[in-house]
Amino acid sequence: MELYHIIKRALITEKSAIAKDEANKYILEVDPRANKIEIANAVEKLFKVKVMDVHVMNVAGKKKRTGKIVGQKRSWKKAIVTLLPGNRIEVYEGV
């Protein structure tokens, strides 16, 4: 799998901003087929940082209702990447 296909987008929320400031953790949406090793390698090569740890979780899609029609949002995979002290991902800075 190519590096640019593994990482889908950065999740920027209040909780992710606090994790970034306090524990140097970055939260990303990743390809559901990617494993921890592939995610760590992709982050290291794309952002030129050193990864200390990766935690992944599968997020189930929620059911949503519009009138009498019931649908479901898509399921996706989330990765929490911990970087070594002194490393930062510049994309997050200033957000």
C-alpha atoms as a PDB file:
ATOM      1  CA  MET A   1       0.000   0.000   0.000  1.00  0.00           C
ATOM      2  CA  GLU A   2       1.326   3.461  -0.882  1.00  0.00           C
ATOM      3  CA  LEU A   3       2.169   5.987   1.828  1.00  0.00           C
ATOM      4  CA  TYR A   4      -0.347   8.552   0.624  1.00  0.00           C
ATOM      5  CA  HIS A   5      -3.150   5.978   0.679  1.00  0.00           C
ATOM      6  CA  ILE A   6      -2.527   4.932   4.288  1.00  0.00           C
ATOM      7  CA  ILE A   7      -3.173   8.316   5.941  1.00  0.00           C
ATOM      8  CA  LYS A   8      -6.543   9.773   4.968  1.00  0.00           C
ATOM      9  CA  ARG A   9      -6.769  12.941   7.081  1.00  0.00           C
ATOM     10  CA  ALA A  10      -5.883  14.502  10.406  1.00  0.00           C
ATOM     11  CA  LEU A  11      -8.648  14.691  13.000  1.00  0.00           C
ATOM     12  CA  ILE A  12      -8.659  18.176  14.479  1.00  0.00           C
ATOM     13  CA  THR A  13     -10.875  18.407  17.545  1.00  0.00           C
ATOM     14  CA  GLU A  14     -10.571  19.877  21.027  1.00  0.00           C
ATOM     15  CA  LYS A  15      -9.600  16.474  22.404  1.00  0.00           C
ATOM     16  CA  SER A  16      -6.899  15.971  19.759  1.00  0.00           C
ATOM     17  CA  ALA A  17      -5.512  19.477  20.400  1.00  0.00           C
ATOM     18  CA  ILE A  18      -5.190  18.703  24.119  1.00  0.00           C
ATOM     19  CA  ALA A  19      -3.503  15.348  23.361  1.00  0.00           C
ATOM     20  CA  LYS A  20      -1.077  17.093  21.007  1.00  0.00           C
ATOM     21  CA  ASP A  21      -0.116  19.723  23.573  1.00  0.00           C
ATOM     22  CA  GLU A  22       0.121  17.496  26.651  1.00  0.00           C
ATOM     23  CA  ALA A  23       1.391  14.147  25.357  1.00  0.00           C
ATOM     24  CA  ASN A  24       2.703  14.797  21.797  1.00  0.00           C
ATOM     25  CA  LYS A  25      -0.031  12.528  20.354  1.00  0.00           C
ATOM     26  CA  TYR A  26      -1.565  13.059  16.929  1.00  0.00           C
ATOM     27  CA  ILE A  27      -4.896  11.557  15.853  1.00  0.00           C
ATOM     28  CA  LEU A  28      -5.333  10.474  12.227  1.00  0.00           C
ATOM     29  CA  GLU A  29      -7.918   8.733  10.105  1.00  0.00           C
ATOM     30  CA  VAL A  30      -6.193   5.871   8.299  1.00  0.00           C
ATOM     31  CA  ASP A  31      -7.029   3.209   5.736  1.00  0.00           C
ATOM     32  CA  PRO A  32      -8.964   0.333   7.372  1.00  0.00           C
ATOM     33  CA  ARG A  33      -6.564  -2.225   5.870  1.00  0.00           C
ATOM     34  CA  ALA A  34      -3.420  -0.594   7.319  1.00  0.00           C
ATOM     35  CA  ASN A  35      -1.679  -2.078  10.354  1.00  0.00           C
ATOM     36  CA  LYS A  36       0.397  -0.370  13.065  1.00  0.00           C
ATOM     37  CA  ILE A  37       3.730  -0.908  11.332  1.00  0.00           C
ATOM     38  CA  GLU A  38       2.514   0.537   8.028  1.00  0.00           C
ATOM     39  CA  ILE A  39       0.996   3.547   9.814  1.00  0.00           C
ATOM     40  CA  ALA A  40       4.221   4.231  11.748  1.00  0.00           C
ATOM     41  CA  ASN A  41       6.343   3.968   8.590  1.00  0.00           C
ATOM     42  CA  ALA A  42       4.002   6.266   6.653  1.00  0.00           C
ATOM     43  CA  VAL A  43       4.028   8.945   9.378  1.00  0.00           C
ATOM     44  CA  GLU A  44       7.822   8.789   9.705  1.00  0.00           C
ATOM     45  CA  LYS A  45       8.437   9.105   5.966  1.00  0.00           C
ATOM     46  CA  LEU A  46       5.751  11.670   5.127  1.00  0.00           C
ATOM     47  CA  PHE A  47       6.315  14.053   8.053  1.00  0.00           C
ATOM     48  CA  LYS A  48      10.022  13.259   8.769  1.00  0.00           C
ATOM     49  CA  VAL A  49       9.494  12.536  12.477  1.00  0.00           C
ATOM     50  CA  LYS A  50      10.228   9.584  14.802  1.00  0.00           C
ATOM     51  CA  VAL A  51       7.250   7.546  16.029  1.00  0.00           C
ATOM     52  CA  MET A  52       7.342   6.091  19.530  1.00  0.00           C
ATOM     53  CA  ASP A  53       3.969   4.304  19.628  1.00  0.00           C
ATOM     54  CA  VAL A  54       0.811   3.704  17.577  1.00  0.00           C
ATOM     55  CA  HIS A  55      -2.640   2.801  18.881  1.00  0.00           C
ATOM     56  CA  VAL A  56      -5.422   1.925  16.433  1.00  0.00           C
ATOM     57  CA  MET A  57      -9.156   1.496  16.794  1.00  0.00           C
ATOM     58  CA  ASN A  58     -12.013   0.673  14.467  1.00  0.00           C
ATOM     59  CA  VAL A  59     -14.875   3.154  14.738  1.00  0.00           C
ATOM     60  CA  ALA A  60     -18.254   1.672  13.854  1.00  0.00           C
ATOM     61  CA  GLY A  61     -20.601   3.749  11.715  1.00  0.00           C
ATOM     62  CA  LYS A  62     -23.601   5.158  13.558  1.00  0.00           C
ATOM     63  CA  LYS A  63     -27.179   4.676  12.436  1.00  0.00           C
ATOM     64  CA  LYS A  64     -28.852   7.894  11.313  1.00  0.00           C
ATOM     65  CA  ARG A  65     -32.507   8.479  10.625  1.00  0.00           C
ATOM     66  CA  THR A  66     -34.146  10.961   8.256  1.00  0.00           C
ATOM     67  CA  GLY A  67     -37.899  10.623   8.585  1.00  0.00           C
ATOM     68  CA  LYS A  68     -38.785   6.998   8.069  1.00  0.00           C
ATOM     69  CA  ILE A  69     -35.565   6.194   6.203  1.00  0.00           C
ATOM     70  CA  VAL A  70     -32.806   4.673   8.338  1.00  0.00           C
ATOM     71  CA  GLY A  71     -29.260   4.834   7.010  1.00  0.00           C
ATOM     72  CA  GLN A  72     -25.814   4.274   8.390  1.00  0.00           C
ATOM     73  CA  LYS A  73     -22.618   6.330   8.336  1.00  0.00           C
ATOM     74  CA  ARG A  74     -19.458   4.611   7.157  1.00  0.00           C
ATOM     75  CA  SER A  75     -17.139   2.725   9.488  1.00  0.00           C
ATOM     76  CA  TRP A  76     -13.515   3.916   9.667  1.00  0.00           C
ATOM     77  CA  LYS A  77     -10.198   3.373  11.415  1.00  0.00           C
ATOM     78  CA  LYS A  78      -8.528   5.840  13.784  1.00  0.00           C
ATOM     79  CA  ALA A  79      -4.854   5.895  14.757  1.00  0.00           C
ATOM     80  CA  ILE A  80      -3.311   7.700  17.724  1.00  0.00           C
ATOM     81  CA  VAL A  81       0.372   8.259  16.943  1.00  0.00           C
ATOM     82  CA  THR A  82       2.762   9.183  19.768  1.00  0.00           C
ATOM     83  CA  LEU A  83       5.941  10.937  18.658  1.00  0.00           C
ATOM     84  CA  LEU A  84       9.275  11.069  20.446  1.00  0.00           C
ATOM     85  CA  PRO A  85       9.869  14.250  22.498  1.00  0.00           C
ATOM     86  CA  GLY A  86      11.062  17.124  20.329  1.00  0.00           C
ATOM     87  CA  ASN A  87       9.283  15.923  17.170  1.00  0.00           C
ATOM     88  CA  ARG A  88       6.266  17.775  15.776  1.00  0.00           C
ATOM     89  CA  ILE A  89       4.043  17.502  12.735  1.00  0.00           C
ATOM     90  CA  GLU A  90       3.988  20.955  11.132  1.00  0.00           C
ATOM     91  CA  VAL A  91       0.558  20.467   9.525  1.00  0.00           C
ATOM     92  CA  TYR A  92      -1.070  20.714  12.966  1.00  0.00           C
ATOM     93  CA  GLU A  93       0.736  23.902  14.002  1.00  0.00           C
ATOM     94  CA  GLY A  94      -1.411  27.026  13.932  1.00  0.00           C
ATOM     95  CA  VAL A  95      -4.719  25.130  13.796  1.00  0.00           C
END
